[in-house]
Amino acid sequence: MLNSLADFDGELSEQAIELLDELKTRSDRVPPLYADVFLLPHAATCSDLVVRITSLSQEQVAIASYAFQIFRFYEQILRANPGDSSPQQKAAYESQIERVRLSVARTKAALAESLG
């Protein structure tokens, strides 16, 4: 959903608006990634998410869209465990993980400042 939410300019796309309209009546819990990005409790529902998104400024939506990309990449890289790789590949993986962790920390701080 966040891929269609905004193209990093914070302006809600027509597709995102339609999706938000569909979600506003749903009581399903949002995935933890969405709760993290929008600083919602992990028990938040789709309806809570829509209320949060529609209360944000264009700049805040842009920051959240960027944060989603960073957090999603972090989840993906954590799943890519090098396992039986060479020591060099494991070292490169650990280095990349550390760089992404730093990006996640900076992004969380930006989110807290913007949305908090």
PDB file of N, CA and C in Angstrom:
ATOM      1  N   MET A   1       0.812  -1.181   0.000  1.00  0.00           N
ATOM      2  CA  MET A   1       0.000   0.000   0.000  1.00  0.00           C
ATOM      3  C   MET A   1       0.866   1.260   0.000  1.00  0.00           C
ATOM      4  N   LEU A   2       1.914   1.270   0.818  1.00  0.00           N
ATOM      5  CA  LEU A   2       2.723   2.479   0.884  1.00  0.00           C
ATOM      6  C   LEU A   2       3.475   2.760  -0.402  1.00  0.00           C
ATOM      7  N   ASN A   3       3.679   1.756  -1.211  1.00  0.00           N
ATOM      8  CA  ASN A   3       4.304   2.014  -2.506  1.00  0.00           C
ATOM      9  C   ASN A   3       3.429   2.922  -3.355  1.00  0.00           C
ATOM     10  N   SER A   4       2.120   2.798  -3.216  1.00  0.00           N
ATOM     11  CA  SER A   4       1.220   3.644  -3.994  1.00  0.00           C
ATOM     12  C   SER A   4       0.774   4.873  -3.212  1.00  0.00           C
ATOM     13  N   LEU A   5       1.158   4.947  -1.949  1.00  0.00           N
ATOM     14  CA  LEU A   5       0.709   6.050  -1.111  1.00  0.00           C
ATOM     15  C   LEU A   5       1.223   7.391  -1.625  1.00  0.00           C
ATOM     16  N   ALA A   6       2.490   7.451  -1.837  1.00  0.00           N
ATOM     17  CA  ALA A   6       3.081   8.714  -2.276  1.00  0.00           C
ATOM     18  C   ALA A   6       4.408   8.423  -2.950  1.00  0.00           C
ATOM     19  N   ASP A   7       4.731   9.194  -3.942  1.00  0.00           N
ATOM     20  CA  ASP A   7       5.996   9.012  -4.655  1.00  0.00           C
ATOM     21  C   ASP A   7       7.074   9.891  -4.047  1.00  0.00           C
ATOM     22  N   PHE A   8       7.224   9.838  -2.745  1.00  0.00           N
ATOM     23  CA  PHE A   8       8.207  10.590  -1.975  1.00  0.00           C
ATOM     24  C   PHE A   8       7.975  12.091  -2.027  1.00  0.00           C
ATOM     25  N   ASP A   9       6.885  12.532  -2.697  1.00  0.00           N
ATOM     26  CA  ASP A   9       6.568  13.957  -2.642  1.00  0.00           C
ATOM     27  C   ASP A   9       5.457  14.195  -1.621  1.00  0.00           C
ATOM     28  N   GLY A  10       4.888  13.118  -1.105  1.00  0.00           N
ATOM     29  CA  GLY A  10       3.874  13.218  -0.070  1.00  0.00           C
ATOM     30  C   GLY A  10       2.462  13.413  -0.567  1.00  0.00           C
ATOM     31  N   GLU A  11       2.299  13.559  -1.868  1.00  0.00           N
ATOM     32  CA  GLU A  11       0.952  13.748  -2.403  1.00  0.00           C
ATOM     33  C   GLU A  11       0.309  12.378  -2.606  1.00  0.00           C
ATOM     34  N   LEU A  12      -0.863  12.199  -2.012  1.00  0.00           N
ATOM     35  CA  LEU A  12      -1.547  10.913  -2.130  1.00  0.00           C
ATOM     36  C   LEU A  12      -1.992  10.686  -3.564  1.00  0.00           C
ATOM     37  N   SER A  13      -1.667   9.523  -4.081  1.00  0.00           N
ATOM     38  CA  SER A  13      -2.084   9.183  -5.439  1.00  0.00           C
ATOM     39  C   SER A  13      -3.569   8.825  -5.428  1.00  0.00           C
ATOM     40  N   GLU A  14      -4.176   8.824  -6.590  1.00  0.00           N
ATOM     41  CA  GLU A  14      -5.588   8.439  -6.713  1.00  0.00           C
ATOM     42  C   GLU A  14      -5.780   7.003  -6.243  1.00  0.00           C
ATOM     43  N   GLN A  15      -4.846   6.146  -6.599  1.00  0.00           N
ATOM     44  CA  GLN A  15      -4.901   4.746  -6.189  1.00  0.00           C
ATOM     45  C   GLN A  15      -4.829   4.635  -4.661  1.00  0.00           C
ATOM     46  N   ALA A  16      -3.985   5.423  -4.030  1.00  0.00           N
ATOM     47  CA  ALA A  16      -3.866   5.399  -2.572  1.00  0.00           C
ATOM     48  C   ALA A  16      -5.141   5.893  -1.904  1.00  0.00           C
ATOM     49  N   ILE A  17      -5.747   6.915  -2.453  1.00  0.00           N
ATOM     50  CA  ILE A  17      -7.000   7.445  -1.891  1.00  0.00           C
ATOM     51  C   ILE A  17      -8.093   6.391  -1.950  1.00  0.00           C
ATOM     52  N   GLU A  18      -8.180   5.679  -3.078  1.00  0.00           N
ATOM     53  CA  GLU A  18      -9.171   4.614  -3.206  1.00  0.00           C
ATOM     54  C   GLU A  18      -8.906   3.503  -2.188  1.00  0.00           C
ATOM     55  N   LEU A  19      -7.655   3.148  -2.016  1.00  0.00           N
ATOM     56  CA  LEU A  19      -7.297   2.106  -1.061  1.00  0.00           C
ATOM     57  C   LEU A  19      -7.608   2.541   0.370  1.00  0.00           C
ATOM     58  N   LEU A  20      -7.322   3.789   0.688  1.00  0.00           N
ATOM     59  CA  LEU A  20      -7.629   4.299   2.026  1.00  0.00           C
ATOM     60  C   LEU A  20      -9.131   4.280   2.285  1.00  0.00           C
ATOM     61  N   ASP A  21      -9.915   4.605   1.264  1.00  0.00           N
ATOM     62  CA  ASP A  21     -11.377   4.550   1.408  1.00  0.00           C
ATOM     63  C   ASP A  21     -11.842   3.123   1.731  1.00  0.00           C
ATOM     64  N   GLU A  22     -11.216   2.150   1.087  1.00  0.00           N
ATOM     65  CA  GLU A  22     -11.564   0.751   1.359  1.00  0.00           C
ATOM     66  C   GLU A  22     -11.151   0.339   2.767  1.00  0.00           C
ATOM     67  N   LEU A  23     -10.002   0.803   3.203  1.00  0.00           N
ATOM     68  CA  LEU A  23      -9.457   0.383   4.494  1.00  0.00           C
ATOM     69  C   LEU A  23     -10.124   1.046   5.693  1.00  0.00           C
ATOM     70  N   LYS A  24     -10.746   2.194   5.498  1.00  0.00           N
ATOM     71  CA  LYS A  24     -11.248   2.939   6.658  1.00  0.00           C
ATOM     72  C   LYS A  24     -12.355   2.226   7.416  1.00  0.00           C
ATOM     73  N   THR A  25     -12.997   1.249   6.805  1.00  0.00           N
ATOM     74  CA  THR A  25     -14.064   0.525   7.502  1.00  0.00           C
ATOM     75  C   THR A  25     -13.602  -0.846   8.004  1.00  0.00           C
ATOM     76  N   ARG A  26     -12.356  -1.178   7.794  1.00  0.00           N
ATOM     77  CA  ARG A  26     -11.850  -2.498   8.187  1.00  0.00           C
ATOM     78  C   ARG A  26     -11.269  -2.468   9.593  1.00  0.00           C
ATOM     79  N   SER A  27     -11.524  -3.533  10.317  1.00  0.00           N
ATOM     80  CA  SER A  27     -11.024  -3.624  11.693  1.00  0.00           C
ATOM     81  C   SER A  27      -9.848  -4.586  11.818  1.00  0.00           C
ATOM     82  N   ASP A  28      -9.291  -5.030  10.688  1.00  0.00           N
ATOM     83  CA  ASP A  28      -8.115  -5.902  10.712  1.00  0.00           C
ATOM     84  C   ASP A  28      -6.925  -5.153  11.298  1.00  0.00           C
ATOM     85  N   ARG A  29      -6.070  -5.869  11.994  1.00  0.00           N
ATOM     86  CA  ARG A  29      -4.853  -5.241  12.517  1.00  0.00           C
ATOM     87  C   ARG A  29      -3.888  -4.962  11.370  1.00  0.00           C
ATOM     88  N   VAL A  30      -3.175  -3.858  11.479  1.00  0.00           N
ATOM     89  CA  VAL A  30      -2.179  -3.533  10.459  1.00  0.00           C
ATOM     90  C   VAL A  30      -0.906  -4.331  10.751  1.00  0.00           C
ATOM     91  N   PRO A  31      -0.144  -4.655   9.714  1.00  0.00           N
ATOM     92  CA  PRO A  31       1.131  -5.341   9.934  1.00  0.00           C
ATOM     93  C   PRO A  31       2.064  -4.470  10.783  1.00  0.00           C
ATOM     94  N   PRO A  32       2.939  -5.103  11.560  1.00  0.00           N
ATOM     95  CA  PRO A  32       3.841  -4.338  12.439  1.00  0.00           C
ATOM     96  C   PRO A  32       4.668  -3.271  11.708  1.00  0.00           C
ATOM     97  N   LEU A  33       5.055  -3.552  10.479  1.00  0.00           N
ATOM     98  CA  LEU A  33       5.832  -2.570   9.720  1.00  0.00           C
ATOM     99  C   LEU A  33       5.056  -1.263   9.551  1.00  0.00           C
ATOM    100  N   TYR A  34       3.778  -1.357   9.248  1.00  0.00           N
ATOM    101  CA  TYR A  34       2.954  -0.159   9.080  1.00  0.00           C
ATOM    102  C   TYR A  34       2.776   0.558  10.418  1.00  0.00           C
ATOM    103  N   ALA A  35       2.585  -0.223  11.477  1.00  0.00           N
ATOM    104  CA  ALA A  35       2.463   0.386  12.805  1.00  0.00           C
ATOM    105  C   ALA A  35       3.745   1.137  13.154  1.00  0.00           C
ATOM    106  N   ASP A  36       4.897   0.538  12.862  1.00  0.00           N
ATOM    107  CA  ASP A  36       6.177   1.194  13.145  1.00  0.00           C
ATOM    108  C   ASP A  36       6.339   2.494  12.355  1.00  0.00           C
ATOM    109  N   VAL A  37       6.024   2.433  11.080  1.00  0.00           N
ATOM    110  CA  VAL A  37       6.203   3.610  10.227  1.00  0.00           C
ATOM    111  C   VAL A  37       5.317   4.777  10.675  1.00  0.00           C
ATOM    112  N   PHE A  38       4.095   4.472  11.082  1.00  0.00           N
ATOM    113  CA  PHE A  38       3.159   5.541  11.438  1.00  0.00           C
ATOM    114  C   PHE A  38       3.036   5.753  12.940  1.00  0.00           C
ATOM    115  N   LEU A  39       3.994   5.160  13.693  1.00  0.00           N
ATOM    116  CA  LEU A  39       4.051   5.315  15.144  1.00  0.00           C
ATOM    117  C   LEU A  39       2.713   4.997  15.801  1.00  0.00           C
ATOM    118  N   LEU A  40       2.147   3.877  15.377  1.00  0.00           N
ATOM    119  CA  LEU A  40       0.886   3.387  15.928  1.00  0.00           C
ATOM    120  C   LEU A  40       1.175   2.200  16.849  1.00  0.00           C
ATOM    121  N   PRO A  41       0.277   1.936  17.804  1.00  0.00           N
ATOM    122  CA  PRO A  41       0.461   0.722  18.613  1.00  0.00           C
ATOM    123  C   PRO A  41       0.315  -0.512  17.723  1.00  0.00           C
ATOM    124  N   HIS A  42       0.935  -1.591  18.119  1.00  0.00           N
ATOM    125  CA  HIS A  42       0.894  -2.797  17.283  1.00  0.00           C
ATOM    126  C   HIS A  42      -0.492  -3.418  17.227  1.00  0.00           C
ATOM    127  N   ALA A  43      -1.419  -2.958  18.060  1.00  0.00           N
ATOM    128  CA  ALA A  43      -2.804  -3.438  18.013  1.00  0.00           C
ATOM    129  C   ALA A  43      -3.669  -2.552  17.108  1.00  0.00           C
ATOM    130  N   ALA A  44      -3.059  -1.594  16.419  1.00  0.00           N
ATOM    131  CA  ALA A  44      -3.801  -0.660  15.559  1.00  0.00           C
ATOM    132  C   ALA A  44      -4.505  -1.402  14.427  1.00  0.00           C
ATOM    133  N   THR A  45      -5.653  -0.882  14.039  1.00  0.00           N
ATOM    134  CA  THR A  45      -6.443  -1.467  12.952  1.00  0.00           C
ATOM    135  C   THR A  45      -6.244  -0.673  11.665  1.00  0.00           C
ATOM    136  N   CYS A  46      -6.768  -1.216  10.591  1.00  0.00           N
ATOM    137  CA  CYS A  46      -6.723  -0.517   9.302  1.00  0.00           C
ATOM    138  C   CYS A  46      -7.391   0.853   9.422  1.00  0.00           C
ATOM    139  N   SER A  47      -8.485   0.895  10.145  1.00  0.00           N
ATOM    140  CA  SER A  47      -9.183   2.163  10.356  1.00  0.00           C
ATOM    141  C   SER A  47      -8.287   3.171  11.074  1.00  0.00           C
ATOM    142  N   ASP A  48      -7.558   2.729  12.087  1.00  0.00           N
ATOM    143  CA  ASP A  48      -6.618   3.603  12.804  1.00  0.00           C
ATOM    144  C   ASP A  48      -5.540   4.128  11.854  1.00  0.00           C
ATOM    145  N   LEU A  49      -5.071   3.247  10.987  1.00  0.00           N
ATOM    146  CA  LEU A  49      -4.052   3.629  10.017  1.00  0.00           C
ATOM    147  C   LEU A  49      -4.565   4.720   9.088  1.00  0.00           C
ATOM    148  N   VAL A  50      -5.784   4.573   8.596  1.00  0.00           N
ATOM    149  CA  VAL A  50      -6.369   5.568   7.691  1.00  0.00           C
ATOM    150  C   VAL A  50      -6.507   6.914   8.414  1.00  0.00           C
ATOM    151  N   VAL A  51      -6.980   6.883   9.643  1.00  0.00           N
ATOM    152  CA  VAL A  51      -7.111   8.126  10.415  1.00  0.00           C
ATOM    153  C   VAL A  51      -5.747   8.794  10.546  1.00  0.00           C
ATOM    154  N   ARG A  52      -4.723   8.003  10.842  1.00  0.00           N
ATOM    155  CA  ARG A  52      -3.373   8.552  11.003  1.00  0.00           C
ATOM    156  C   ARG A  52      -2.863   9.152   9.693  1.00  0.00           C
ATOM    157  N   ILE A  53      -2.990   8.414   8.606  1.00  0.00           N
ATOM    158  CA  ILE A  53      -2.472   8.884   7.320  1.00  0.00           C
ATOM    159  C   ILE A  53      -3.181  10.161   6.885  1.00  0.00           C
ATOM    160  N   THR A  54      -4.487  10.188   7.018  1.00  0.00           N
ATOM    161  CA  THR A  54      -5.235  11.359   6.548  1.00  0.00           C
ATOM    162  C   THR A  54      -5.038  12.574   7.444  1.00  0.00           C
ATOM    163  N   SER A  55      -4.468  12.368   8.638  1.00  0.00           N
ATOM    164  CA  SER A  55      -4.199  13.506   9.519  1.00  0.00           C
ATOM    165  C   SER A  55      -2.816  14.114   9.278  1.00  0.00           C
ATOM    166  N   LEU A  56      -2.021  13.475   8.448  1.00  0.00           N
ATOM    167  CA  LEU A  56      -0.649  13.926   8.212  1.00  0.00           C
ATOM    168  C   LEU A  56      -0.571  14.985   7.123  1.00  0.00           C
ATOM    169  N   SER A  57       0.449  15.809   7.242  1.00  0.00           N
ATOM    170  CA  SER A  57       0.731  16.775   6.180  1.00  0.00           C
ATOM    171  C   SER A  57       1.398  16.053   5.011  1.00  0.00           C
ATOM    172  N   GLN A  58       1.497  16.731   3.898  1.00  0.00           N
ATOM    173  CA  GLN A  58       2.146  16.156   2.717  1.00  0.00           C
ATOM    174  C   GLN A  58       3.605  15.805   3.034  1.00  0.00           C
ATOM    175  N   GLU A  59       4.288  16.655   3.773  1.00  0.00           N
ATOM    176  CA  GLU A  59       5.684  16.392   4.142  1.00  0.00           C
ATOM    177  C   GLU A  59       5.786  15.150   5.028  1.00  0.00           C
ATOM    178  N   GLN A  60       4.861  15.001   5.968  1.00  0.00           N
ATOM    179  CA  GLN A  60       4.875  13.835   6.849  1.00  0.00           C
ATOM    180  C   GLN A  60       4.604  12.547   6.079  1.00  0.00           C
ATOM    181  N   VAL A  61       3.714  12.604   5.126  1.00  0.00           N
ATOM    182  CA  VAL A  61       3.441  11.426   4.292  1.00  0.00           C
ATOM    183  C   VAL A  61       4.697  11.057   3.499  1.00  0.00           C
ATOM    184  N   ALA A  62       5.402  12.052   2.996  1.00  0.00           N
ATOM    185  CA  ALA A  62       6.632  11.792   2.241  1.00  0.00           C
ATOM    186  C   ALA A  62       7.679  11.124   3.136  1.00  0.00           C
ATOM    187  N   ILE A  63       7.822  11.602   4.362  1.00  0.00           N
ATOM    188  CA  ILE A  63       8.782  11.009   5.297  1.00  0.00           C
ATOM    189  C   ILE A  63       8.381   9.574   5.622  1.00  0.00           C
ATOM    190  N   ALA A  64       7.087   9.341   5.845  1.00  0.00           N
ATOM    191  CA  ALA A  64       6.608   7.994   6.135  1.00  0.00           C
ATOM    192  C   ALA A  64       6.836   7.055   4.946  1.00  0.00           C
ATOM    193  N   SER A  65       6.632   7.536   3.745  1.00  0.00           N
ATOM    194  CA  SER A  65       6.859   6.718   2.553  1.00  0.00           C
ATOM    195  C   SER A  65       8.328   6.317   2.442  1.00  0.00           C
ATOM    196  N   TYR A  66       9.204   7.273   2.704  1.00  0.00           N
ATOM    197  CA  TYR A  66      10.645   6.991   2.684  1.00  0.00           C
ATOM    198  C   TYR A  66      10.995   5.989   3.789  1.00  0.00           C
ATOM    199  N   ALA A  67      10.446   6.199   4.979  1.00  0.00           N
ATOM    200  CA  ALA A  67      10.720   5.300   6.099  1.00  0.00           C
ATOM    201  C   ALA A  67      10.267   3.882   5.781  1.00  0.00           C
ATOM    202  N   PHE A  68       9.124   3.765   5.150  1.00  0.00           N
ATOM    203  CA  PHE A  68       8.619   2.444   4.793  1.00  0.00           C
ATOM    204  C   PHE A  68       9.631   1.715   3.910  1.00  0.00           C
ATOM    205  N   GLN A  69      10.187   2.398   2.941  1.00  0.00           N
ATOM    206  CA  GLN A  69      11.168   1.777   2.043  1.00  0.00           C
ATOM    207  C   GLN A  69      12.393   1.301   2.816  1.00  0.00           C
ATOM    208  N   ILE A  70      12.873   2.127   3.735  1.00  0.00           N
ATOM    209  CA  ILE A  70      14.052   1.771   4.546  1.00  0.00           C
ATOM    210  C   ILE A  70      13.737   0.567   5.430  1.00  0.00           C
ATOM    211  N   PHE A  71      12.597   0.619   6.133  1.00  0.00           N
ATOM    212  CA  PHE A  71      12.233  -0.471   7.035  1.00  0.00           C
ATOM    213  C   PHE A  71      11.999  -1.774   6.278  1.00  0.00           C
ATOM    214  N   ARG A  72      11.361  -1.680   5.118  1.00  0.00           N
ATOM    215  CA  ARG A  72      11.099  -2.877   4.330  1.00  0.00           C
ATOM    216  C   ARG A  72      12.410  -3.492   3.840  1.00  0.00           C
ATOM    217  N   PHE A  73      13.339  -2.655   3.410  1.00  0.00           N
ATOM    218  CA  PHE A  73      14.645  -3.154   2.978  1.00  0.00           C
ATOM    219  C   PHE A  73      15.347  -3.856   4.140  1.00  0.00           C
ATOM    220  N   TYR A  74      15.248  -3.291   5.320  1.00  0.00           N
ATOM    221  CA  TYR A  74      15.859  -3.890   6.507  1.00  0.00           C
ATOM    222  C   TYR A  74      15.264  -5.273   6.770  1.00  0.00           C
ATOM    223  N   GLU A  75      13.954  -5.393   6.686  1.00  0.00           N
ATOM    224  CA  GLU A  75      13.310  -6.703   6.865  1.00  0.00           C
ATOM    225  C   GLU A  75      13.815  -7.698   5.823  1.00  0.00           C
ATOM    226  N   GLN A  76      13.929  -7.250   4.585  1.00  0.00           N
ATOM    227  CA  GLN A  76      14.369  -8.138   3.511  1.00  0.00           C
ATOM    228  C   GLN A  76      15.809  -8.588   3.713  1.00  0.00           C
ATOM    229  N   ILE A  77      16.657  -7.670   4.124  1.00  0.00           N
ATOM    230  CA  ILE A  77      18.066  -8.029   4.287  1.00  0.00           C
ATOM    231  C   ILE A  77      18.260  -8.961   5.480  1.00  0.00           C
ATOM    232  N   LEU A  78      17.420  -8.816   6.497  1.00  0.00           N
ATOM    233  CA  LEU A  78      17.510  -9.722   7.638  1.00  0.00           C
ATOM    234  C   LEU A  78      17.118 -11.147   7.252  1.00  0.00           C
ATOM    235  N   ARG A  79      16.213 -11.270   6.310  1.00  0.00           N
ATOM    236  CA  ARG A  79      15.797 -12.596   5.834  1.00  0.00           C
ATOM    237  C   ARG A  79      16.874 -13.249   4.969  1.00  0.00           C
ATOM    238  N   ALA A  80      17.770 -12.473   4.430  1.00  0.00           N
ATOM    239  CA  ALA A  80      18.802 -12.978   3.514  1.00  0.00           C
ATOM    240  C   ALA A  80      20.038 -13.422   4.296  1.00  0.00           C
ATOM    241  N   ASN A  81      19.858 -14.277   5.247  1.00  0.00           N
ATOM    242  CA  ASN A  81      20.961 -14.771   6.060  1.00  0.00           C
ATOM    243  C   ASN A  81      21.982 -15.477   5.167  1.00  0.00           C
ATOM    244  N   PRO A  82      23.269 -15.115   5.268  1.00  0.00           N
ATOM    245  CA  PRO A  82      24.276 -15.687   4.377  1.00  0.00           C
ATOM    246  C   PRO A  82      24.559 -17.162   4.632  1.00  0.00           C
ATOM    247  N   GLY A  83      24.191 -17.691   5.795  1.00  0.00           N
ATOM    248  CA  GLY A  83      24.328 -19.122   6.069  1.00  0.00           C
ATOM    249  C   GLY A  83      25.696 -19.694   5.777  1.00  0.00           C
ATOM    250  N   ASP A  84      25.807 -20.475   4.711  1.00  0.00           N
ATOM    251  CA  ASP A  84      27.048 -21.179   4.373  1.00  0.00           C
ATOM    252  C   ASP A  84      27.957 -20.375   3.451  1.00  0.00           C
ATOM    253  N   SER A  85      27.883 -19.094   3.510  1.00  0.00           N
ATOM    254  CA  SER A  85      28.702 -18.250   2.640  1.00  0.00           C
ATOM    255  C   SER A  85      30.147 -18.208   3.122  1.00  0.00           C
ATOM    256  N   SER A  86      30.988 -17.668   2.266  1.00  0.00           N
ATOM    257  CA  SER A  86      32.401 -17.517   2.616  1.00  0.00           C
ATOM    258  C   SER A  86      32.543 -16.446   3.700  1.00  0.00           C
ATOM    259  N   PRO A  87      33.666 -16.448   4.396  1.00  0.00           N
ATOM    260  CA  PRO A  87      33.887 -15.419   5.419  1.00  0.00           C
ATOM    261  C   PRO A  87      33.807 -13.992   4.858  1.00  0.00           C
ATOM    262  N   GLN A  88      34.262 -13.804   3.626  1.00  0.00           N
ATOM    263  CA  GLN A  88      34.200 -12.481   3.003  1.00  0.00           C
ATOM    264  C   GLN A  88      32.750 -12.072   2.763  1.00  0.00           C
ATOM    265  N   GLN A  89      31.931 -13.010   2.290  1.00  0.00           N
ATOM    266  CA  GLN A  89      30.520 -12.708   2.050  1.00  0.00           C
ATOM    267  C   GLN A  89      29.803 -12.427   3.368  1.00  0.00           C
ATOM    268  N   LYS A  90      30.118 -13.183   4.399  1.00  0.00           N
ATOM    269  CA  LYS A  90      29.512 -12.943   5.712  1.00  0.00           C
ATOM    270  C   LYS A  90      29.913 -11.572   6.248  1.00  0.00           C
ATOM    271  N   ALA A  91      31.173 -11.203   6.061  1.00  0.00           N
ATOM    272  CA  ALA A  91      31.643  -9.891   6.510  1.00  0.00           C
ATOM    273  C   ALA A  91      30.943  -8.775   5.744  1.00  0.00           C
ATOM    274  N   ALA A  92      30.770  -8.965   4.443  1.00  0.00           N
ATOM    275  CA  ALA A  92      30.073  -7.955   3.635  1.00  0.00           C
ATOM    276  C   ALA A  92      28.616  -7.846   4.072  1.00  0.00           C
ATOM    277  N   TYR A  93      27.991  -8.981   4.356  1.00  0.00           N
ATOM    278  CA  TYR A  93      26.603  -8.997   4.829  1.00  0.00           C
ATOM    279  C   TYR A  93      26.496  -8.242   6.158  1.00  0.00           C
ATOM    280  N   GLU A  94      27.385  -8.545   7.093  1.00  0.00           N
ATOM    281  CA  GLU A  94      27.362  -7.874   8.403  1.00  0.00           C
ATOM    282  C   GLU A  94      27.591  -6.369   8.258  1.00  0.00           C
ATOM    283  N   SER A  95      28.467  -5.993   7.362  1.00  0.00           N
ATOM    284  CA  SER A  95      28.722  -4.575   7.113  1.00  0.00           C
ATOM    285  C   SER A  95      27.475  -3.893   6.563  1.00  0.00           C
ATOM    286  N   GLN A  96      26.817  -4.557   5.623  1.00  0.00           N
ATOM    287  CA  GLN A  96      25.597  -3.996   5.038  1.00  0.00           C
ATOM    288  C   GLN A  96      24.495  -3.903   6.097  1.00  0.00           C
ATOM    289  N   ILE A  97      24.366  -4.923   6.927  1.00  0.00           N
ATOM    290  CA  ILE A  97      23.371  -4.906   8.006  1.00  0.00           C
ATOM    291  C   ILE A  97      23.617  -3.703   8.915  1.00  0.00           C
ATOM    292  N   GLU A  98      24.867  -3.463   9.254  1.00  0.00           N
ATOM    293  CA  GLU A  98      25.177  -2.348  10.156  1.00  0.00           C
ATOM    294  C   GLU A  98      24.831  -1.004   9.512  1.00  0.00           C
ATOM    295  N   ARG A  99      25.132  -0.848   8.233  1.00  0.00           N
ATOM    296  CA  ARG A  99      24.775   0.399   7.537  1.00  0.00           C
ATOM    297  C   ARG A  99      23.263   0.591   7.510  1.00  0.00           C
ATOM    298  N   VAL A 100      22.534  -0.488   7.256  1.00  0.00           N
ATOM    299  CA  VAL A 100      21.073  -0.393   7.210  1.00  0.00           C
ATOM    300  C   VAL A 100      20.521  -0.096   8.611  1.00  0.00           C
ATOM    301  N   ARG A 101      21.102  -0.698   9.635  1.00  0.00           N
ATOM    302  CA  ARG A 101      20.664  -0.409  11.016  1.00  0.00           C
ATOM    303  C   ARG A 101      20.828   1.077  11.333  1.00  0.00           C
ATOM    304  N   LEU A 102      21.930   1.650  10.895  1.00  0.00           N
ATOM    305  CA  LEU A 102      22.144   3.092  11.114  1.00  0.00           C
ATOM    306  C   LEU A 102      21.084   3.906  10.372  1.00  0.00           C
ATOM    307  N   SER A 103      20.755   3.487   9.141  1.00  0.00           N
ATOM    308  CA  SER A 103      19.708   4.177   8.386  1.00  0.00           C
ATOM    309  C   SER A 103      18.361   4.041   9.080  1.00  0.00           C
ATOM    310  N   VAL A 104      18.083   2.866   9.615  1.00  0.00           N
ATOM    311  CA  VAL A 104      16.828   2.651  10.337  1.00  0.00           C
ATOM    312  C   VAL A 104      16.773   3.561  11.561  1.00  0.00           C
ATOM    313  N   ALA A 105      17.861   3.642  12.298  1.00  0.00           N
ATOM    314  CA  ALA A 105      17.889   4.496  13.493  1.00  0.00           C
ATOM    315  C   ALA A 105      17.664   5.960  13.127  1.00  0.00           C
ATOM    316  N   ARG A 106      18.332   6.428  12.085  1.00  0.00           N
ATOM    317  CA  ARG A 106      18.141   7.823  11.647  1.00  0.00           C
ATOM    318  C   ARG A 106      16.713   8.050  11.163  1.00  0.00           C
ATOM    319  N   THR A 107      16.173   7.056  10.467  1.00  0.00           N
ATOM    320  CA  THR A 107      14.800   7.174   9.953  1.00  0.00           C
ATOM    321  C   THR A 107      13.796   7.191  11.098  1.00  0.00           C
ATOM    322  N   LYS A 108      14.006   6.362  12.100  1.00  0.00           N
ATOM    323  CA  LYS A 108      13.124   6.359  13.269  1.00  0.00           C
ATOM    324  C   LYS A 108      13.148   7.721  13.960  1.00  0.00           C
ATOM    325  N   ALA A 109      14.331   8.300  14.067  1.00  0.00           N
ATOM    326  CA  ALA A 109      14.446   9.624  14.687  1.00  0.00           C
ATOM    327  C   ALA A 109      13.703  10.670  13.866  1.00  0.00           C
ATOM    328  N   ALA A 110      13.836  10.608  12.544  1.00  0.00           N
ATOM    329  CA  ALA A 110      13.129  11.553  11.667  1.00  0.00           C
ATOM    330  C   ALA A 110      11.616  11.361  11.774  1.00  0.00           C
ATOM    331  N   LEU A 111      11.180  10.117  11.852  1.00  0.00           N
ATOM    332  CA  LEU A 111       9.750   9.835  12.011  1.00  0.00           C
ATOM    333  C   LEU A 111       9.240  10.396  13.330  1.00  0.00           C
ATOM    334  N   ALA A 112       9.972  10.133  14.400  1.00  0.00           N
ATOM    335  CA  ALA A 112       9.536  10.619  15.708  1.00  0.00           C
ATOM    336  C   ALA A 112       9.452  12.134  15.733  1.00  0.00           C
ATOM    337  N   GLU A 113      10.411  12.785  15.090  1.00  0.00           N
ATOM    338  CA  GLU A 113      10.411  14.244  15.034  1.00  0.00           C
ATOM    339  C   GLU A 113       9.248  14.758  14.179  1.00  0.00           C
ATOM    340  N   SER A 114       9.011  14.088  13.066  1.00  0.00           N
ATOM    341  CA  SER A 114       7.971  14.546  12.140  1.00  0.00           C
ATOM    342  C   SER A 114       6.567  14.179  12.591  1.00  0.00           C
ATOM    343  N   LEU A 115       6.397  12.942  13.040  1.00  0.00           N
ATOM    344  CA  LEU A 115       5.055  12.446  13.360  1.00  0.00           C
ATOM    345  C   LEU A 115       4.723  12.514  14.835  1.00  0.00           C
ATOM    346  N   GLY A 116       5.753  12.599  15.657  1.00  0.00           N
ATOM    347  CA  GLY A 116       5.538  12.534  17.112  1.00  0.00           C
ATOM    348  C   GLY A 116       4.953  13.736  17.697  1.00  0.00           C
TER     349      GLY A 116
END
